[in-house]
Every structure is written in C-alpha cells, then in structure tokens.
Amino acid sequence: MKALLRTLHAPVYERRLKVLLKVLGGCLPRGESLLDIGCGAGALGAALTREYGLEVRGLETNVREGCVIPVDPYDGETIPCEEDSIDNVLLADVLHHEENPGRLLQEAGRVARKRVIIKDHKTGSFLAWPRISLLDWAANAGYGVRCLFRYPTVSGWHDLFRECALSVQAERTSLDLYPPVVNALFGRKLHYFAVLNPIAPESE
C-alpha cells in the first residue's frame, strides 16, 4: 500500500516542486543561505541550489538515505543553530504535523536572520477540511508520516505569527500547485504561503 501511494503521488509531487521552486525564487536573493526544516530527501533544496545559487542545508527528525543536500538530524523541537545564523528558514508543509507548531516556529524565528518562509494549508473555503485531510493522508501515508489533521484559517495563521514575534512581509492565499484535475479538488485556496520577518525586540 505504501509503495502504491508513493507511486501515485510522484507526478503530483513533481508539479508541486516546480511551482514552489518558482514561488520561492521570487523572494530569495541569489547566494543567501537557507535551512529547509523537514526537507525529506532534499529535492526542493537541491533545486533551489541549482537554480538560484542558494546555500541550502536540511533538518530531519529521521534522516533518509540518499539525501541530495546535506541533512542533519534534530529532535523536532530545538533547531541546532545559533541565533540569527541563517538568512532564511523554510517550513514547507511541516507545521501542520507539529503537536506544538508555535514552538518550532519560534525556533525558526530565532535562527533566521532575514526571513521565515511558510508553505502550508488553510481552511476557510468550501469543504476545505475534508479535502485537505484526504490530500494530507495520501501524500504522507506512503512515508509513514503521522497526520494530525489540524489546519488554521488565514486569521489563525496570523495569530500564530504574532505569538511568535513574526510579521507578514508577503503572503499568498491560493496556489496552483498540482496538475489541473488534481488542482481543482486539492489545490488553490487549500494552500497558504507566507514570507515572514522576525520582529526586533523593542529597546528599553
């Protein structure tokens, strides 16, 4: 069953990769550093390195064999990097798998010198929750990734960002990520993308 799900998901993932590569390329200056948290085998990071000359490393709780970028293990809570040590931190479809997404997002803001970039899901449109849940399960069951089936609205994302001392620099509330038929059911307004800036603490 897992092998079948991975096979069925492959063409969808390839289209997603191409779209995200273009979207991310529009907000990441060439040559900057990027930490891709929950990077999988590193396909997106490798493409960003190749297309935009970024310096990309990954983090994973369970590092896979055959990673195409340097990937370090971490405990899922604490990012093993110094404060303000990386230009950009990317969390692509990671936070909705977290029991405490705010904790990881705060860690991302701590280590990011310039930007925290989020790609995730959002509810609020017609039958959004069941459609996202099916998509989430189909994309992750083949890899044994646990799904919590919790997805904020846009206002819910904004509340979380404020709690984590991050401000929205840019956002997109709809993405055409998939091939046309799949996109009509599982794309567009089910997806959320935001570029965030750490808020500097007020001086006393």
N, C-alpha and C. Protein backbone atom coordinates (compact mmCIF):
# COMPACT_ATOMS: atom_id res chain seq x y z
N MET A 1 0.83 -1.21 0.00
CA MET A 1 0.00 0.00 0.00
C MET A 1 0.86 1.26 0.00
N LYS A 2 1.90 1.28 0.84
CA LYS A 2 2.77 2.45 0.91
C LYS A 2 3.46 2.69 -0.43
N ALA A 3 3.93 1.63 -1.06
CA ALA A 3 4.61 1.76 -2.36
C ALA A 3 3.65 2.31 -3.42
N LEU A 4 2.40 1.85 -3.39
CA LEU A 4 1.40 2.32 -4.35
C LEU A 4 1.13 3.81 -4.15
N LEU A 5 0.98 4.24 -2.90
CA LEU A 5 0.73 5.66 -2.62
C LEU A 5 1.90 6.53 -3.07
N ARG A 6 3.12 6.04 -2.85
CA ARG A 6 4.29 6.82 -3.30
C ARG A 6 4.31 6.94 -4.81
N THR A 7 3.95 5.86 -5.52
CA THR A 7 3.92 5.88 -6.98
C THR A 7 2.87 6.85 -7.51
N LEU A 8 1.68 6.82 -6.91
CA LEU A 8 0.60 7.71 -7.34
C LEU A 8 0.91 9.17 -7.03
N HIS A 9 1.64 9.40 -5.96
CA HIS A 9 1.94 10.77 -5.53
C HIS A 9 3.08 11.39 -6.33
N ALA A 10 3.92 10.58 -6.96
CA ALA A 10 5.14 11.08 -7.63
C ALA A 10 4.86 12.19 -8.64
N PRO A 11 3.94 12.03 -9.61
CA PRO A 11 3.72 13.13 -10.57
C PRO A 11 3.15 14.39 -9.94
N VAL A 12 2.34 14.22 -8.89
CA VAL A 12 1.79 15.37 -8.18
C VAL A 12 2.93 16.12 -7.48
N TYR A 13 3.84 15.36 -6.86
CA TYR A 13 4.96 15.98 -6.16
C TYR A 13 5.87 16.72 -7.14
N GLU A 14 6.08 16.17 -8.34
CA GLU A 14 6.94 16.83 -9.32
C GLU A 14 6.38 18.19 -9.73
N ARG A 15 5.07 18.26 -9.93
CA ARG A 15 4.44 19.54 -10.28
C ARG A 15 4.55 20.51 -9.10
N ARG A 16 4.31 20.02 -7.89
CA ARG A 16 4.43 20.85 -6.69
C ARG A 16 5.83 21.42 -6.57
N LEU A 17 6.83 20.60 -6.84
CA LEU A 17 8.22 21.03 -6.75
C LEU A 17 8.49 22.18 -7.72
N LYS A 18 8.02 22.08 -8.94
CA LYS A 18 8.26 23.11 -9.94
C LYS A 18 7.60 24.43 -9.55
N VAL A 19 6.37 24.35 -9.04
CA VAL A 19 5.66 25.58 -8.66
C VAL A 19 6.33 26.24 -7.46
N LEU A 20 6.67 25.44 -6.44
CA LEU A 20 7.32 26.00 -5.26
C LEU A 20 8.68 26.59 -5.59
N LEU A 21 9.39 25.96 -6.51
CA LEU A 21 10.69 26.48 -6.92
C LEU A 21 10.53 27.88 -7.51
N LYS A 22 9.52 28.09 -8.32
CA LYS A 22 9.29 29.40 -8.92
C LYS A 22 8.85 30.42 -7.87
N VAL A 23 7.93 30.02 -6.98
CA VAL A 23 7.44 30.93 -5.94
C VAL A 23 8.56 31.35 -5.00
N LEU A 24 9.36 30.38 -4.57
CA LEU A 24 10.46 30.68 -3.65
C LEU A 24 11.54 31.51 -4.33
N GLY A 25 11.79 31.25 -5.60
CA GLY A 25 12.80 32.02 -6.32
C GLY A 25 12.47 33.49 -6.40
N GLY A 26 11.18 33.83 -6.29
CA GLY A 26 10.78 35.22 -6.35
C GLY A 26 11.00 36.00 -5.07
N CYS A 27 11.35 35.31 -3.99
CA CYS A 27 11.52 36.01 -2.72
C CYS A 27 12.86 35.72 -2.04
N LEU A 28 13.73 34.96 -2.70
CA LEU A 28 15.03 34.62 -2.11
C LEU A 28 16.16 35.17 -2.97
N PRO A 29 16.91 36.14 -2.46
CA PRO A 29 18.04 36.67 -3.22
C PRO A 29 19.10 35.58 -3.46
N ARG A 30 19.68 35.63 -4.62
CA ARG A 30 20.71 34.66 -5.01
C ARG A 30 21.86 34.68 -4.01
N GLY A 31 22.34 33.49 -3.68
CA GLY A 31 23.52 33.34 -2.86
C GLY A 31 23.28 33.33 -1.36
N GLU A 32 22.04 33.54 -0.92
CA GLU A 32 21.77 33.53 0.51
C GLU A 32 21.73 32.09 1.05
N SER A 33 21.80 31.98 2.36
CA SER A 33 21.72 30.66 3.00
C SER A 33 20.27 30.36 3.36
N LEU A 34 19.94 29.05 3.35
CA LEU A 34 18.59 28.63 3.66
C LEU A 34 18.63 27.30 4.40
N LEU A 35 17.85 27.20 5.45
CA LEU A 35 17.69 25.96 6.20
C LEU A 35 16.29 25.42 5.92
N ASP A 36 16.22 24.24 5.33
CA ASP A 36 14.96 23.61 4.96
C ASP A 36 14.62 22.58 6.04
N ILE A 37 13.66 22.93 6.90
CA ILE A 37 13.28 22.05 8.01
C ILE A 37 12.21 21.07 7.53
N GLY A 38 12.43 19.79 7.81
CA GLY A 38 11.53 18.77 7.30
C GLY A 38 11.68 18.58 5.82
N CYS A 39 12.92 18.53 5.37
CA CYS A 39 13.25 18.60 3.93
C CYS A 39 13.06 17.29 3.19
N GLY A 40 12.76 16.19 3.88
CA GLY A 40 12.70 14.91 3.19
C GLY A 40 14.05 14.52 2.65
N ALA A 41 14.09 14.13 1.40
CA ALA A 41 15.36 13.77 0.76
C ALA A 41 16.09 14.98 0.19
N GLY A 42 15.47 16.16 0.27
CA GLY A 42 16.15 17.39 -0.13
C GLY A 42 15.97 17.80 -1.57
N ALA A 43 14.94 17.28 -2.25
CA ALA A 43 14.76 17.60 -3.67
C ALA A 43 14.54 19.08 -3.90
N LEU A 44 13.70 19.73 -3.07
CA LEU A 44 13.45 21.15 -3.24
C LEU A 44 14.71 21.96 -2.96
N GLY A 45 15.43 21.62 -1.91
CA GLY A 45 16.67 22.32 -1.59
C GLY A 45 17.70 22.21 -2.68
N ALA A 46 17.82 21.02 -3.27
CA ALA A 46 18.78 20.82 -4.36
C ALA A 46 18.41 21.66 -5.57
N ALA A 47 17.09 21.76 -5.86
CA ALA A 47 16.64 22.57 -6.99
C ALA A 47 16.90 24.06 -6.73
N LEU A 48 16.71 24.52 -5.48
CA LEU A 48 16.99 25.91 -5.14
C LEU A 48 18.48 26.21 -5.27
N THR A 49 19.31 25.28 -4.90
CA THR A 49 20.76 25.45 -5.05
C THR A 49 21.13 25.56 -6.52
N ARG A 50 20.57 24.69 -7.31
CA ARG A 50 20.89 24.64 -8.74
C ARG A 50 20.38 25.87 -9.49
N GLU A 51 19.14 26.27 -9.21
CA GLU A 51 18.51 27.33 -9.99
C GLU A 51 18.87 28.73 -9.51
N TYR A 52 19.10 28.90 -8.19
CA TYR A 52 19.26 30.24 -7.64
C TYR A 52 20.55 30.43 -6.85
N GLY A 53 21.41 29.44 -6.87
CA GLY A 53 22.70 29.58 -6.20
C GLY A 53 22.61 29.75 -4.70
N LEU A 54 21.57 29.20 -4.09
CA LEU A 54 21.42 29.29 -2.65
C LEU A 54 22.29 28.25 -1.95
N GLU A 55 22.66 28.56 -0.74
CA GLU A 55 23.40 27.62 0.10
C GLU A 55 22.39 26.94 1.02
N VAL A 56 22.01 25.70 0.70
CA VAL A 56 20.89 25.04 1.37
C VAL A 56 21.37 23.84 2.18
N ARG A 57 20.90 23.78 3.42
CA ARG A 57 21.05 22.60 4.27
C ARG A 57 19.66 22.20 4.77
N GLY A 58 19.54 20.95 5.21
CA GLY A 58 18.25 20.47 5.69
C GLY A 58 18.32 19.95 7.11
N LEU A 59 17.15 19.84 7.72
CA LEU A 59 16.99 19.19 9.02
C LEU A 59 15.87 18.18 8.91
N GLU A 60 16.06 17.03 9.53
CA GLU A 60 15.02 16.00 9.58
C GLU A 60 15.10 15.26 10.90
N THR A 61 13.95 14.86 11.41
CA THR A 61 13.94 14.04 12.62
C THR A 61 14.43 12.62 12.32
N ASN A 62 14.17 12.15 11.11
CA ASN A 62 14.68 10.84 10.67
C ASN A 62 15.31 11.04 9.29
N VAL A 63 16.62 11.13 9.26
CA VAL A 63 17.33 11.42 8.01
C VAL A 63 17.24 10.21 7.09
N ARG A 64 16.78 10.44 5.87
CA ARG A 64 16.63 9.36 4.89
C ARG A 64 17.95 9.04 4.21
N GLU A 65 18.03 7.86 3.65
CA GLU A 65 19.18 7.51 2.82
C GLU A 65 19.05 8.23 1.47
N GLY A 66 20.19 8.57 0.88
CA GLY A 66 20.19 9.15 -0.46
C GLY A 66 19.77 10.60 -0.52
N CYS A 67 19.97 11.37 0.55
CA CYS A 67 19.62 12.79 0.51
C CYS A 67 20.50 13.53 -0.49
N VAL A 68 19.92 14.48 -1.21
CA VAL A 68 20.65 15.19 -2.27
C VAL A 68 21.16 16.55 -1.81
N ILE A 69 20.95 16.90 -0.55
CA ILE A 69 21.57 18.06 0.08
C ILE A 69 22.10 17.60 1.43
N PRO A 70 23.00 18.36 2.05
CA PRO A 70 23.43 18.00 3.41
C PRO A 70 22.24 18.10 4.37
N VAL A 71 21.98 17.02 5.10
CA VAL A 71 20.85 16.98 6.03
C VAL A 71 21.34 16.52 7.40
N ASP A 72 21.00 17.30 8.43
CA ASP A 72 21.38 16.96 9.80
C ASP A 72 20.16 16.50 10.58
N PRO A 73 20.35 15.61 11.55
CA PRO A 73 19.23 15.20 12.40
C PRO A 73 18.95 16.24 13.47
N TYR A 74 17.69 16.32 13.91
CA TYR A 74 17.34 17.16 15.06
C TYR A 74 16.17 16.53 15.78
N ASP A 75 15.87 17.03 16.96
CA ASP A 75 14.87 16.39 17.82
C ASP A 75 13.44 16.81 17.54
N GLY A 76 13.22 17.64 16.52
CA GLY A 76 11.87 18.09 16.20
C GLY A 76 11.42 19.30 16.99
N GLU A 77 12.24 19.76 17.93
CA GLU A 77 11.86 20.89 18.77
C GLU A 77 12.89 22.02 18.72
N THR A 78 14.15 21.69 18.97
CA THR A 78 15.21 22.69 19.03
C THR A 78 16.06 22.64 17.77
N ILE A 79 16.15 23.77 17.07
CA ILE A 79 16.97 23.84 15.86
C ILE A 79 18.43 24.01 16.29
N PRO A 80 19.31 23.11 15.88
CA PRO A 80 20.70 23.14 16.35
C PRO A 80 21.55 24.18 15.63
N CYS A 81 21.14 25.45 15.74
CA CYS A 81 21.85 26.55 15.10
C CYS A 81 21.86 27.75 16.05
N GLU A 82 22.85 28.62 15.86
CA GLU A 82 22.93 29.82 16.67
C GLU A 82 21.88 30.84 16.26
N GLU A 83 21.59 31.75 17.15
CA GLU A 83 20.64 32.82 16.86
C GLU A 83 21.12 33.68 15.70
N ASP A 84 20.20 34.03 14.79
CA ASP A 84 20.50 34.89 13.62
C ASP A 84 21.66 34.35 12.79
N SER A 85 21.73 33.04 12.63
CA SER A 85 22.89 32.44 11.94
C SER A 85 22.61 32.05 10.50
N ILE A 86 21.34 32.11 10.07
CA ILE A 86 20.96 31.68 8.72
C ILE A 86 20.07 32.75 8.11
N ASP A 87 20.28 33.05 6.84
CA ASP A 87 19.46 34.09 6.19
C ASP A 87 17.98 33.73 6.19
N ASN A 88 17.67 32.51 5.79
CA ASN A 88 16.28 32.10 5.59
C ASN A 88 16.02 30.72 6.19
N VAL A 89 14.84 30.56 6.78
CA VAL A 89 14.39 29.25 7.26
C VAL A 89 13.09 28.92 6.55
N LEU A 90 13.02 27.72 5.98
CA LEU A 90 11.85 27.26 5.22
C LEU A 90 11.16 26.13 5.97
N LEU A 91 9.84 26.26 6.10
CA LEU A 91 8.99 25.21 6.66
C LEU A 91 7.90 24.91 5.64
N ALA A 92 8.13 23.93 4.80
CA ALA A 92 7.20 23.61 3.71
C ALA A 92 6.36 22.40 4.09
N ASP A 93 5.08 22.63 4.39
CA ASP A 93 4.15 21.57 4.79
C ASP A 93 4.67 20.78 5.98
N VAL A 94 5.17 21.51 6.96
CA VAL A 94 5.73 20.92 8.17
C VAL A 94 4.89 21.24 9.40
N LEU A 95 4.46 22.48 9.55
CA LEU A 95 3.86 22.92 10.81
C LEU A 95 2.55 22.20 11.14
N HIS A 96 1.79 21.80 10.14
CA HIS A 96 0.53 21.12 10.46
C HIS A 96 0.74 19.70 10.97
N HIS A 97 1.97 19.22 10.93
CA HIS A 97 2.30 17.93 11.53
C HIS A 97 2.78 18.05 12.97
N GLU A 98 2.94 19.28 13.45
CA GLU A 98 3.53 19.51 14.77
C GLU A 98 2.46 19.58 15.86
N GLU A 99 2.71 18.88 16.98
CA GLU A 99 1.83 18.99 18.14
C GLU A 99 1.80 20.43 18.65
N ASN A 100 2.95 21.09 18.62
CA ASN A 100 3.06 22.48 19.07
C ASN A 100 3.76 23.29 17.97
N PRO A 101 3.02 23.71 16.95
CA PRO A 101 3.65 24.42 15.83
C PRO A 101 4.32 25.73 16.24
N GLY A 102 3.77 26.39 17.26
CA GLY A 102 4.36 27.65 17.71
C GLY A 102 5.77 27.47 18.23
N ARG A 103 6.05 26.37 18.88
CA ARG A 103 7.38 26.12 19.42
C ARG A 103 8.42 26.05 18.30
N LEU A 104 8.10 25.30 17.23
CA LEU A 104 9.04 25.19 16.12
C LEU A 104 9.14 26.50 15.35
N LEU A 105 8.02 27.21 15.22
CA LEU A 105 8.04 28.48 14.51
C LEU A 105 8.88 29.52 15.26
N GLN A 106 8.79 29.52 16.58
CA GLN A 106 9.63 30.41 17.36
C GLN A 106 11.11 30.08 17.18
N GLU A 107 11.42 28.82 17.12
CA GLU A 107 12.80 28.40 16.87
C GLU A 107 13.27 28.88 15.50
N ALA A 108 12.40 28.78 14.50
CA ALA A 108 12.75 29.27 13.17
C ALA A 108 13.03 30.76 13.19
N GLY A 109 12.20 31.52 13.92
CA GLY A 109 12.43 32.95 14.04
C GLY A 109 13.70 33.29 14.79
N ARG A 110 14.08 32.43 15.72
CA ARG A 110 15.31 32.66 16.48
C ARG A 110 16.56 32.56 15.61
N VAL A 111 16.59 31.58 14.72
CA VAL A 111 17.81 31.35 13.93
C VAL A 111 17.82 32.12 12.62
N ALA A 112 16.65 32.60 12.17
CA ALA A 112 16.57 33.29 10.88
C ALA A 112 17.05 34.73 11.01
N ARG A 113 17.98 35.10 10.16
CA ARG A 113 18.50 36.47 10.15
C ARG A 113 17.59 37.41 9.35
N LYS A 114 16.94 36.89 8.31
CA LYS A 114 16.14 37.74 7.42
C LYS A 114 14.69 37.30 7.29
N ARG A 115 14.46 36.02 7.00
CA ARG A 115 13.10 35.58 6.67
C ARG A 115 12.82 34.18 7.21
N VAL A 116 11.55 33.97 7.58
CA VAL A 116 10.99 32.64 7.77
C VAL A 116 9.92 32.47 6.71
N ILE A 117 10.00 31.39 5.96
CA ILE A 117 9.08 31.18 4.85
C ILE A 117 8.22 29.95 5.15
N ILE A 118 6.92 30.13 5.04
CA ILE A 118 5.96 29.08 5.36
C ILE A 118 5.19 28.68 4.11
N LYS A 119 5.13 27.41 3.83
CA LYS A 119 4.14 26.86 2.89
C LYS A 119 3.35 25.81 3.66
N ASP A 120 2.02 25.99 3.70
CA ASP A 120 1.21 25.06 4.48
C ASP A 120 -0.21 25.05 3.92
N HIS A 121 -1.15 24.58 4.72
CA HIS A 121 -2.56 24.52 4.30
C HIS A 121 -3.39 25.50 5.13
N LYS A 122 -4.60 25.77 4.63
CA LYS A 122 -5.52 26.62 5.37
C LYS A 122 -6.95 26.18 5.10
N THR A 123 -7.78 26.34 6.10
CA THR A 123 -9.21 26.11 5.94
C THR A 123 -9.90 27.44 5.67
N GLY A 124 -11.22 27.38 5.50
CA GLY A 124 -11.99 28.60 5.25
C GLY A 124 -12.77 28.56 3.96
N SER A 125 -12.39 27.70 3.02
CA SER A 125 -13.14 27.56 1.77
C SER A 125 -14.06 26.35 1.85
N PHE A 126 -14.86 26.13 0.81
CA PHE A 126 -15.90 25.10 0.80
C PHE A 126 -15.30 23.70 1.01
N LEU A 127 -15.76 22.99 2.03
CA LEU A 127 -15.31 21.63 2.35
C LEU A 127 -13.78 21.54 2.44
N ALA A 128 -13.18 22.60 2.94
CA ALA A 128 -11.72 22.64 2.98
C ALA A 128 -11.13 21.55 3.85
N TRP A 129 -11.67 21.37 5.06
CA TRP A 129 -11.06 20.42 5.99
C TRP A 129 -11.04 18.99 5.44
N PRO A 130 -12.14 18.43 4.95
CA PRO A 130 -12.07 17.06 4.43
C PRO A 130 -11.18 16.93 3.21
N ARG A 131 -11.16 17.94 2.36
CA ARG A 131 -10.30 17.86 1.17
C ARG A 131 -8.81 17.90 1.55
N ILE A 132 -8.44 18.81 2.48
CA ILE A 132 -7.05 18.86 2.91
C ILE A 132 -6.67 17.57 3.63
N SER A 133 -7.56 17.06 4.45
CA SER A 133 -7.26 15.85 5.21
C SER A 133 -6.97 14.67 4.28
N LEU A 134 -7.77 14.53 3.24
CA LEU A 134 -7.53 13.45 2.28
C LEU A 134 -6.20 13.64 1.57
N LEU A 135 -5.94 14.87 1.14
CA LEU A 135 -4.67 15.18 0.48
C LEU A 135 -3.49 14.90 1.41
N ASP A 136 -3.61 15.34 2.65
CA ASP A 136 -2.54 15.16 3.64
C ASP A 136 -2.24 13.68 3.86
N TRP A 137 -3.30 12.90 4.04
CA TRP A 137 -3.13 11.46 4.24
C TRP A 137 -2.48 10.80 3.04
N ALA A 138 -2.96 11.11 1.84
CA ALA A 138 -2.44 10.48 0.63
C ALA A 138 -0.98 10.82 0.39
N ALA A 139 -0.59 12.06 0.73
CA ALA A 139 0.79 12.49 0.50
C ALA A 139 1.76 11.92 1.52
N ASN A 140 1.27 11.57 2.72
CA ASN A 140 2.18 11.19 3.80
C ASN A 140 2.11 9.74 4.24
N ALA A 141 1.00 9.07 3.98
CA ALA A 141 0.87 7.68 4.44
C ALA A 141 1.92 6.77 3.81
N GLY A 142 2.31 7.06 2.59
CA GLY A 142 3.31 6.25 1.92
C GLY A 142 4.70 6.34 2.54
N TYR A 143 4.89 7.36 3.38
CA TYR A 143 6.19 7.57 4.02
C TYR A 143 6.12 7.38 5.54
N GLY A 144 4.96 6.95 6.02
CA GLY A 144 4.81 6.70 7.44
C GLY A 144 4.78 7.95 8.29
N VAL A 145 4.42 9.10 7.70
CA VAL A 145 4.37 10.37 8.43
C VAL A 145 3.00 10.52 9.09
N ARG A 146 2.99 10.83 10.37
CA ARG A 146 1.74 10.99 11.11
C ARG A 146 1.03 12.27 10.69
N CYS A 147 -0.28 12.20 10.56
CA CYS A 147 -1.09 13.38 10.24
C CYS A 147 -1.97 13.71 11.45
N LEU A 148 -2.01 14.98 11.82
CA LEU A 148 -2.84 15.45 12.93
C LEU A 148 -4.16 16.05 12.46
N PHE A 149 -4.24 16.37 11.16
CA PHE A 149 -5.46 16.89 10.55
C PHE A 149 -5.93 18.18 11.21
N ARG A 150 -4.97 19.06 11.50
CA ARG A 150 -5.28 20.38 12.06
C ARG A 150 -4.70 21.44 11.14
N TYR A 151 -5.58 22.34 10.64
CA TYR A 151 -5.17 23.33 9.66
C TYR A 151 -5.83 24.67 10.00
N PRO A 152 -5.06 25.74 10.24
CA PRO A 152 -5.65 27.02 10.62
C PRO A 152 -6.35 27.72 9.44
N THR A 153 -7.15 28.70 9.77
CA THR A 153 -7.62 29.67 8.78
C THR A 153 -6.50 30.70 8.58
N VAL A 154 -6.69 31.63 7.65
CA VAL A 154 -5.70 32.70 7.47
C VAL A 154 -5.54 33.50 8.76
N SER A 155 -6.66 33.84 9.39
CA SER A 155 -6.57 34.60 10.64
C SER A 155 -5.89 33.79 11.73
N GLY A 156 -6.08 32.47 11.70
CA GLY A 156 -5.39 31.62 12.66
C GLY A 156 -3.89 31.63 12.45
N TRP A 157 -3.47 31.63 11.19
CA TRP A 157 -2.04 31.75 10.90
C TRP A 157 -1.50 33.09 11.40
N HIS A 158 -2.25 34.16 11.14
CA HIS A 158 -1.79 35.48 11.58
C HIS A 158 -1.65 35.55 13.10
N ASP A 159 -2.59 34.94 13.81
CA ASP A 159 -2.49 34.91 15.27
C ASP A 159 -1.23 34.18 15.72
N LEU A 160 -0.94 33.05 15.06
CA LEU A 160 0.26 32.28 15.41
C LEU A 160 1.53 33.08 15.13
N PHE A 161 1.55 33.79 14.01
CA PHE A 161 2.73 34.59 13.68
C PHE A 161 2.98 35.67 14.74
N ARG A 162 1.91 36.34 15.16
CA ARG A 162 2.06 37.38 16.19
C ARG A 162 2.59 36.79 17.49
N GLU A 163 2.09 35.62 17.86
CA GLU A 163 2.55 34.97 19.09
C GLU A 163 4.04 34.63 19.01
N CYS A 164 4.53 34.40 17.82
CA CYS A 164 5.92 34.00 17.62
C CYS A 164 6.81 35.18 17.22
N ALA A 165 6.30 36.41 17.36
CA ALA A 165 7.06 37.63 17.05
C ALA A 165 7.55 37.65 15.61
N LEU A 166 6.64 37.31 14.69
CA LEU A 166 6.93 37.34 13.25
C LEU A 166 5.88 38.20 12.56
N SER A 167 6.30 39.02 11.61
CA SER A 167 5.39 39.87 10.85
C SER A 167 5.32 39.39 9.41
N VAL A 168 4.18 39.57 8.78
CA VAL A 168 3.98 39.11 7.41
C VAL A 168 4.54 40.14 6.44
N GLN A 169 5.54 39.73 5.66
CA GLN A 169 6.09 40.58 4.62
C GLN A 169 5.30 40.41 3.32
N ALA A 170 4.93 39.18 3.03
CA ALA A 170 4.15 38.88 1.83
C ALA A 170 3.42 37.57 2.06
N GLU A 171 2.28 37.39 1.40
CA GLU A 171 1.57 36.12 1.53
C GLU A 171 0.74 35.85 0.28
N ARG A 172 0.45 34.57 0.08
CA ARG A 172 -0.43 34.14 -1.00
C ARG A 172 -1.45 33.19 -0.39
N THR A 173 -2.72 33.41 -0.66
CA THR A 173 -3.77 32.58 -0.07
C THR A 173 -4.34 31.58 -1.07
N SER A 174 -3.68 31.44 -2.22
CA SER A 174 -4.08 30.45 -3.21
C SER A 174 -2.86 30.10 -4.06
N LEU A 175 -2.67 28.80 -4.30
CA LEU A 175 -1.54 28.34 -5.12
C LEU A 175 -2.03 27.24 -6.05
N ASP A 176 -1.65 27.34 -7.33
CA ASP A 176 -1.95 26.29 -8.31
C ASP A 176 -0.78 25.31 -8.32
N LEU A 177 -0.80 24.38 -7.37
CA LEU A 177 0.36 23.51 -7.16
C LEU A 177 0.37 22.25 -8.01
N TYR A 178 -0.80 21.79 -8.45
CA TYR A 178 -0.90 20.44 -8.98
C TYR A 178 -1.35 20.42 -10.44
N PRO A 179 -1.31 19.26 -11.06
CA PRO A 179 -1.91 19.13 -12.41
C PRO A 179 -3.37 19.55 -12.35
N PRO A 180 -3.95 20.01 -13.50
CA PRO A 180 -5.26 20.67 -13.49
C PRO A 180 -6.38 19.95 -12.76
N VAL A 181 -6.60 18.66 -13.02
CA VAL A 181 -7.71 17.95 -12.38
C VAL A 181 -7.49 17.86 -10.88
N VAL A 182 -6.28 17.51 -10.47
CA VAL A 182 -5.96 17.41 -9.04
C VAL A 182 -6.05 18.78 -8.40
N ASN A 183 -5.59 19.80 -9.12
CA ASN A 183 -5.59 21.16 -8.58
C ASN A 183 -7.00 21.67 -8.30
N ALA A 184 -7.96 21.29 -9.14
CA ALA A 184 -9.33 21.74 -8.95
C ALA A 184 -9.91 21.26 -7.62
N LEU A 185 -9.48 20.07 -7.18
CA LEU A 185 -10.01 19.49 -5.95
C LEU A 185 -9.14 19.76 -4.73
N PHE A 186 -7.81 19.78 -4.95
CA PHE A 186 -6.89 19.80 -3.81
C PHE A 186 -5.87 20.93 -3.85
N GLY A 187 -6.03 21.88 -4.78
CA GLY A 187 -5.08 22.98 -4.88
C GLY A 187 -5.70 24.30 -4.48
N ARG A 188 -5.18 25.34 -5.07
CA ARG A 188 -5.72 26.70 -4.94
C ARG A 188 -5.91 27.13 -3.49
N LYS A 189 -7.15 27.38 -3.06
CA LYS A 189 -7.39 28.01 -1.77
C LYS A 189 -7.17 27.11 -0.57
N LEU A 190 -6.76 25.87 -0.79
CA LEU A 190 -6.41 25.00 0.32
C LEU A 190 -4.97 25.23 0.79
N HIS A 191 -4.23 26.05 0.04
CA HIS A 191 -2.81 26.23 0.32
C HIS A 191 -2.51 27.67 0.73
N TYR A 192 -1.46 27.79 1.53
CA TYR A 192 -1.09 29.09 2.10
C TYR A 192 0.42 29.24 2.05
N PHE A 193 0.87 30.44 1.69
CA PHE A 193 2.30 30.73 1.59
C PHE A 193 2.55 32.10 2.21
N ALA A 194 3.56 32.19 3.05
CA ALA A 194 3.87 33.47 3.70
C ALA A 194 5.36 33.65 3.86
N VAL A 195 5.81 34.87 3.62
CA VAL A 195 7.18 35.28 3.91
C VAL A 195 7.12 36.16 5.15
N LEU A 196 7.84 35.77 6.18
CA LEU A 196 7.76 36.42 7.48
C LEU A 196 9.09 37.04 7.87
N ASN A 197 9.01 38.14 8.59
CA ASN A 197 10.20 38.81 9.12
C ASN A 197 10.19 38.74 10.63
N PRO A 198 11.31 38.37 11.24
CA PRO A 198 11.39 38.44 12.71
C PRO A 198 11.21 39.88 13.18
N ILE A 199 10.41 40.05 14.22
CA ILE A 199 10.18 41.37 14.79
C ILE A 199 11.27 41.65 15.82
N ALA A 200 12.01 42.73 15.60
CA ALA A 200 13.08 43.08 16.53
C ALA A 200 12.48 43.50 17.87
N PRO A 201 13.06 43.03 18.98
CA PRO A 201 12.54 43.45 20.29
C PRO A 201 12.71 44.94 20.50
N GLU A 202 11.74 45.54 21.18
CA GLU A 202 11.82 46.98 21.43
C GLU A 202 12.94 47.28 22.43
N SER A 203 13.69 48.32 22.12
CA SER A 203 14.77 48.71 23.03
C SER A 203 14.19 49.39 24.25
N GLU A 204 14.78 49.13 25.40
CA GLU A 204 14.30 49.71 26.64
C GLU A 204 14.73 51.18 26.77
